[in-house]
N, C-alpha and C. Protein backbone atom coordinates (compact mmCIF):
# COMPACT_ATOMS: atom_id res chain seq x y z
N MET A 1 115.61 98.30 94.40
CA MET A 1 114.58 99.10 93.92
C MET A 1 114.90 98.65 92.27
N PRO A 2 113.55 98.58 91.57
CA PRO A 2 113.87 98.61 90.41
C PRO A 2 114.02 99.54 89.55
N PRO A 3 114.44 99.28 88.50
CA PRO A 3 115.26 100.31 87.60
C PRO A 3 114.24 101.11 87.34
N HIS A 4 114.59 102.19 86.68
CA HIS A 4 113.83 103.48 86.67
C HIS A 4 113.31 103.12 85.15
N THR A 5 112.93 102.72 84.32
CA THR A 5 113.34 102.15 83.14
C THR A 5 111.71 101.14 83.29
N MET A 6 111.70 100.69 84.52
CA MET A 6 110.48 99.67 84.65
C MET A 6 109.27 100.74 84.60
N PHE A 7 109.06 102.08 85.08
CA PHE A 7 107.80 102.73 85.32
C PHE A 7 107.60 103.64 83.85
N PRO A 8 106.36 103.88 83.66
CA PRO A 8 105.31 103.00 83.73
C PRO A 8 105.33 101.76 82.73
N ARG A 9 106.14 101.47 81.82
CA ARG A 9 105.92 100.53 81.28
C ARG A 9 105.65 99.08 81.52
N GLY A 10 106.42 98.87 83.03
CA GLY A 10 106.31 97.64 83.42
C GLY A 10 105.05 97.27 84.09
N PHE A 11 104.29 98.32 83.91
CA PHE A 11 102.58 98.34 84.96
C PHE A 11 102.28 97.33 83.90
N SER A 12 102.68 96.59 83.76
CA SER A 12 101.88 95.24 82.66
C SER A 12 100.50 94.32 83.65
N GLU A 13 100.63 94.07 84.79
CA GLU A 13 99.47 93.76 85.74
C GLU A 13 98.38 94.94 85.88
N LEU A 14 97.29 93.99 86.65
CA LEU A 14 96.50 94.55 87.21
C LEU A 14 96.19 94.16 88.43
N LEU A 15 95.73 95.25 89.51
CA LEU A 15 95.24 94.64 90.52
C LEU A 15 93.87 95.00 91.54
N THR A 16 93.38 93.98 92.36
CA THR A 16 91.92 94.55 92.89
C THR A 16 92.45 94.88 94.45
N THR A 17 91.60 95.93 95.01
CA THR A 17 91.78 95.42 96.64
C THR A 17 90.48 94.90 97.34
N ARG A 18 90.18 94.40 98.74
CA ARG A 18 89.13 94.37 99.33
C ARG A 18 89.48 94.77 100.61
N ARG A 19 88.50 95.48 101.13
CA ARG A 19 88.91 96.12 102.74
C ARG A 19 87.54 95.78 103.45
N GLY A 20 87.88 95.47 104.63
CA GLY A 20 86.75 95.43 105.49
C GLY A 20 86.68 97.04 106.08
N SER A 21 85.03 97.06 106.54
CA SER A 21 85.17 97.66 107.07
C SER A 21 85.20 98.26 108.72
N ILE A 22 85.54 99.35 109.41
CA ILE A 22 85.41 99.34 111.07
C ILE A 22 84.60 99.61 111.44
N SER A 23 83.94 98.99 112.59
CA SER A 23 82.82 99.57 113.46
C SER A 23 83.71 99.27 114.87
N GLY A 24 83.62 100.51 115.60
CA GLY A 24 84.53 100.45 116.56
C GLY A 24 86.14 100.12 116.55
N VAL A 25 86.28 99.28 117.16
CA VAL A 25 87.50 98.29 117.16
C VAL A 25 87.46 97.04 116.48
N ARG A 26 86.46 96.37 115.86
CA ARG A 26 86.39 95.33 115.22
C ARG A 26 86.48 95.83 113.62
N ARG A 27 87.01 94.77 112.71
CA ARG A 27 87.27 94.95 111.59
C ARG A 27 86.24 94.07 110.62
N GLY A 28 85.19 94.29 109.75
CA GLY A 28 84.09 93.23 109.31
C GLY A 28 84.88 92.78 107.90
N ALA A 29 84.45 92.17 107.59
CA ALA A 29 84.45 91.09 106.30
C ALA A 29 84.85 91.82 105.59
N ALA A 30 86.14 91.75 104.45
CA ALA A 30 86.44 92.18 103.42
C ALA A 30 85.17 92.11 102.18
N VAL A 31 85.33 93.08 102.04
CA VAL A 31 84.74 93.39 100.17
C VAL A 31 85.40 93.89 99.29
N ALA A 32 84.75 93.66 98.02
CA ALA A 32 85.51 94.46 97.11
C ALA A 32 85.88 96.01 96.97
N TYR A 33 86.72 96.53 96.64
CA TYR A 33 87.01 97.84 97.60
C TYR A 33 87.39 98.64 96.05
N LEU A 34 88.73 98.65 95.53
CA LEU A 34 88.98 99.16 94.35
C LEU A 34 89.01 98.09 93.54
N THR A 35 89.95 98.34 91.97
CA THR A 35 89.80 97.49 90.68
C THR A 35 90.38 98.09 89.42
N ASP A 36 91.15 97.04 89.06
CA ASP A 36 91.94 97.68 87.79
C ASP A 36 92.80 98.78 88.13
N ILE A 37 93.82 98.49 88.88
CA ILE A 37 94.71 99.46 88.99
C ILE A 37 96.34 98.92 88.52
N ARG A 38 97.06 99.60 87.90
CA ARG A 38 97.79 99.14 87.23
C ARG A 38 99.17 98.78 88.43
N CYS A 39 99.77 97.65 87.92
CA CYS A 39 100.99 97.36 88.52
C CYS A 39 101.62 96.81 87.88
N ALA A 40 103.16 96.56 88.46
CA ALA A 40 103.89 95.56 88.01
C ALA A 40 104.13 94.20 88.04
N PRO A 41 104.43 93.41 87.88
CA PRO A 41 104.60 91.59 88.45
C PRO A 41 105.25 91.61 89.85
N ILE A 42 104.79 91.09 90.84
CA ILE A 42 104.67 90.85 91.98
C ILE A 42 106.72 90.77 92.20
N LEU A 43 107.13 90.86 92.75
CA LEU A 43 108.56 90.59 93.23
C LEU A 43 108.80 90.08 94.41
N PRO A 44 109.84 89.09 94.67
CA PRO A 44 110.23 88.75 95.98
C PRO A 44 111.04 89.95 96.63
N LEU A 45 110.46 90.16 97.89
CA LEU A 45 111.73 91.02 98.42
C LEU A 45 112.94 90.58 98.73
N GLU A 46 113.69 91.79 98.96
CA GLU A 46 115.47 91.43 98.69
C GLU A 46 115.80 91.22 100.09
N SER A 47 116.92 90.31 99.90
CA SER A 47 117.14 89.54 101.35
C SER A 47 117.28 90.89 102.50
N THR A 48 118.51 92.00 101.84
CA THR A 48 118.57 92.69 103.07
C THR A 48 117.45 93.63 103.36
N ALA A 49 116.39 93.86 102.79
CA ALA A 49 114.55 94.85 103.40
C ALA A 49 114.16 93.77 103.79
N ARG A 50 114.34 92.44 103.65
CA ARG A 50 113.59 91.40 104.48
C ARG A 50 113.93 91.07 105.83
N GLN A 51 115.22 91.59 106.21
CA GLN A 51 116.27 91.32 107.27
C GLN A 51 115.34 92.63 108.33
N GLU A 52 115.89 93.72 107.57
CA GLU A 52 115.31 94.73 108.09
C GLU A 52 113.80 94.93 108.64
N ALA A 53 113.05 94.31 107.90
CA ALA A 53 111.52 94.11 108.17
C ALA A 53 111.37 93.40 109.88
N HIS A 54 112.28 92.21 109.37
CA HIS A 54 112.12 91.51 110.62
C HIS A 54 112.54 91.42 111.91
N VAL A 55 113.54 92.60 111.86
CA VAL A 55 114.05 93.97 113.05
C VAL A 55 112.69 94.32 113.34
N ARG A 56 112.40 94.89 112.38
CA ARG A 56 111.13 96.26 113.04
C ARG A 56 109.78 95.21 113.56
N GLY A 57 110.20 93.65 112.93
CA GLY A 57 108.72 92.80 114.04
C GLY A 57 107.46 92.24 112.67
N VAL A 58 107.84 92.84 111.49
CA VAL A 58 107.37 92.93 110.59
C VAL A 58 107.53 91.68 109.55
N SER A 59 106.75 90.71 109.37
CA SER A 59 106.50 89.68 108.66
C SER A 59 106.19 90.19 106.75
N ILE A 60 107.25 90.14 106.33
CA ILE A 60 107.11 90.74 104.46
C ILE A 60 107.64 89.74 104.05
N ASP A 61 106.77 88.88 102.58
CA ASP A 61 107.35 88.10 101.32
C ASP A 61 107.82 88.45 100.41
N LYS A 62 106.59 89.47 99.34
CA LYS A 62 106.38 90.17 98.07
C LYS A 62 106.43 91.49 98.47
N GLN A 63 106.69 92.40 97.27
CA GLN A 63 106.60 93.81 96.80
C GLN A 63 105.95 93.48 95.37
N VAL A 64 104.82 94.78 95.52
CA VAL A 64 104.55 95.26 94.22
C VAL A 64 104.29 96.64 94.22
N PHE A 65 104.97 97.07 92.90
CA PHE A 65 105.02 98.45 92.63
C PHE A 65 103.59 98.95 91.63
N CYS A 66 103.14 99.71 91.84
CA CYS A 66 101.37 100.28 91.31
C CYS A 66 101.29 101.72 91.20
N ASP A 67 100.45 102.18 90.52
CA ASP A 67 100.07 103.38 90.58
C ASP A 67 99.33 103.93 91.63
N VAL A 68 99.44 105.16 92.29
CA VAL A 68 98.68 105.66 93.67
C VAL A 68 97.33 105.51 93.70
N ALA A 69 97.34 104.62 95.03
CA ALA A 69 95.54 104.49 95.19
C ALA A 69 95.42 104.56 96.61
N ASP A 70 94.06 104.75 97.03
CA ASP A 70 93.89 104.51 98.30
C ASP A 70 94.08 103.23 98.99
N ILE A 71 94.75 102.59 98.65
CA ILE A 71 95.47 101.19 99.63
C ILE A 71 95.64 101.65 100.95
N LEU A 72 95.58 100.28 101.79
CA LEU A 72 96.04 100.81 103.16
C LEU A 72 96.98 99.22 103.78
N PRO A 73 97.41 99.06 105.25
CA PRO A 73 97.63 98.02 105.56
C PRO A 73 96.92 97.14 105.57
N GLU A 74 96.82 96.11 105.43
CA GLU A 74 95.49 95.56 106.21
C GLU A 74 94.69 94.97 105.56
N ASP A 75 94.56 95.78 103.66
CA ASP A 75 93.64 95.30 103.12
C ASP A 75 94.67 94.49 102.24
N LEU A 76 93.58 93.14 101.70
CA LEU A 76 93.89 92.46 100.81
C LEU A 76 93.87 92.33 99.20
N VAL A 77 95.40 92.55 98.39
CA VAL A 77 95.05 92.57 97.09
C VAL A 77 95.31 91.09 96.63
N THR A 78 94.63 91.40 95.38
CA THR A 78 94.49 90.29 94.38
C THR A 78 95.17 90.71 93.13
N THR A 79 96.54 90.11 92.69
CA THR A 79 97.16 89.88 91.33
C THR A 79 97.50 88.71 90.66
N GLN A 80 97.95 88.41 89.78
CA GLN A 80 97.98 87.40 88.45
C GLN A 80 97.83 86.08 90.29
N GLY A 81 96.31 86.44 90.48
CA GLY A 81 95.45 85.04 90.44
C GLY A 81 95.86 84.73 92.14
N GLU A 82 96.72 85.42 92.79
CA GLU A 82 97.02 85.31 94.01
C GLU A 82 96.55 86.47 94.73
N GLU A 83 96.25 86.11 95.82
CA GLU A 83 95.81 87.57 97.10
C GLU A 83 96.64 87.35 98.23
N TYR A 84 97.12 88.76 98.59
CA TYR A 84 98.12 89.09 99.24
C TYR A 84 97.62 89.91 100.44
N THR A 85 98.04 89.86 101.44
CA THR A 85 97.70 91.02 103.11
C THR A 85 98.52 92.02 102.51
N VAL A 86 98.52 93.44 102.46
CA VAL A 86 99.20 94.82 102.67
C VAL A 86 99.65 94.42 103.96
N VAL A 87 100.79 94.48 103.99
CA VAL A 87 101.47 94.93 105.09
C VAL A 87 102.24 96.37 105.65
N GLU A 88 102.86 97.07 104.60
CA GLU A 88 103.56 98.27 104.45
C GLU A 88 103.49 98.86 103.03
N VAL A 89 102.90 100.25 103.15
CA VAL A 89 102.61 101.30 101.91
C VAL A 89 103.62 102.29 102.03
N SER A 90 104.34 102.47 101.15
CA SER A 90 104.68 103.47 100.84
C SER A 90 104.62 104.40 99.57
N THR A 91 105.17 105.43 99.74
CA THR A 91 104.80 106.40 98.08
C THR A 91 106.24 106.90 97.52
N TRP A 92 106.57 107.32 96.42
CA TRP A 92 107.69 107.59 96.26
C TRP A 92 107.53 108.16 94.91
N ALA A 93 108.67 109.10 94.26
CA ALA A 93 108.68 109.48 93.01
C ALA A 93 109.79 108.73 92.46
N VAL A 94 109.19 108.50 90.76
CA VAL A 94 110.45 107.84 90.26
C VAL A 94 109.83 108.62 88.94
N VAL A 95 111.19 109.32 87.93
CA VAL A 95 111.06 109.75 87.08
C VAL A 95 109.84 110.71 87.03
N GLY A 96 109.63 111.77 87.90
CA GLY A 96 108.82 112.36 87.87
C GLY A 96 107.19 111.84 88.24
N LYS A 97 107.30 110.32 88.68
CA LYS A 97 106.09 109.68 88.58
C LYS A 97 105.77 109.11 89.69
N GLU A 98 104.48 109.54 90.49
CA GLU A 98 104.54 108.61 92.28
C GLU A 98 104.21 107.29 91.68
N VAL A 99 104.84 106.68 92.49
CA VAL A 99 104.60 105.26 92.58
C VAL A 99 104.00 104.60 94.10
N MET A 100 103.74 103.45 93.78
CA MET A 100 103.00 103.05 95.41
C MET A 100 103.91 102.04 95.65
N GLN A 101 104.56 101.68 96.53
CA GLN A 101 105.27 100.26 96.78
C GLN A 101 104.52 99.33 98.12
N LEU A 102 103.71 98.18 97.69
CA LEU A 102 103.17 97.59 98.62
C LEU A 102 104.08 96.85 99.03
N ALA A 103 104.43 96.61 100.63
CA ALA A 103 105.15 95.32 100.96
C ALA A 103 103.86 94.14 101.44
N LEU A 104 104.08 93.11 100.94
CA LEU A 104 103.25 92.32 101.15
C LEU A 104 103.07 90.92 101.77
N ARG A 105 102.32 90.25 102.36
CA ARG A 105 102.40 88.98 103.02
C ARG A 105 101.56 87.90 102.90
N LYS A 106 101.65 86.48 102.28
CA LYS A 106 100.88 85.61 101.73
C LYS A 106 100.72 84.70 103.13
N TYR A 107 99.58 84.55 103.73
CA TYR A 107 99.33 83.93 105.00
C TYR A 107 98.74 82.16 104.20
N GLN A 108 99.64 81.44 105.03
CA GLN A 108 99.36 79.95 105.08
C GLN A 108 97.39 79.96 104.87
N GLY A 109 96.76 79.25 103.62
CA GLY A 109 95.37 78.61 103.66
C GLY A 109 94.87 80.54 102.83
N SER A 110 95.48 81.45 102.27
CA SER A 110 94.61 82.21 102.13
C SER A 110 94.84 82.42 100.69
């Protein structure tokens, strides 16, 4: 977990999201959804958390902390020139402010 002093001062980056529309059981092509959400730089997932995710059957590479926004698993997130797929979303309180933690996966070719 990042140090408490990281928030909100450490939110030095911005991220944008793309989301596919859902029609029945199909998800359409992802289109621009949210922009300019403040976030911290992308961080590697610590080895213990990566192993716990693997046990749950989830593949996670990175994580990012950001302001609370309407972000869901399977949304595409772009920050620092890279695009990732959101795998898991959690919200928690840090120093009286709510922060989102996004677990991310970078797929080959994306």
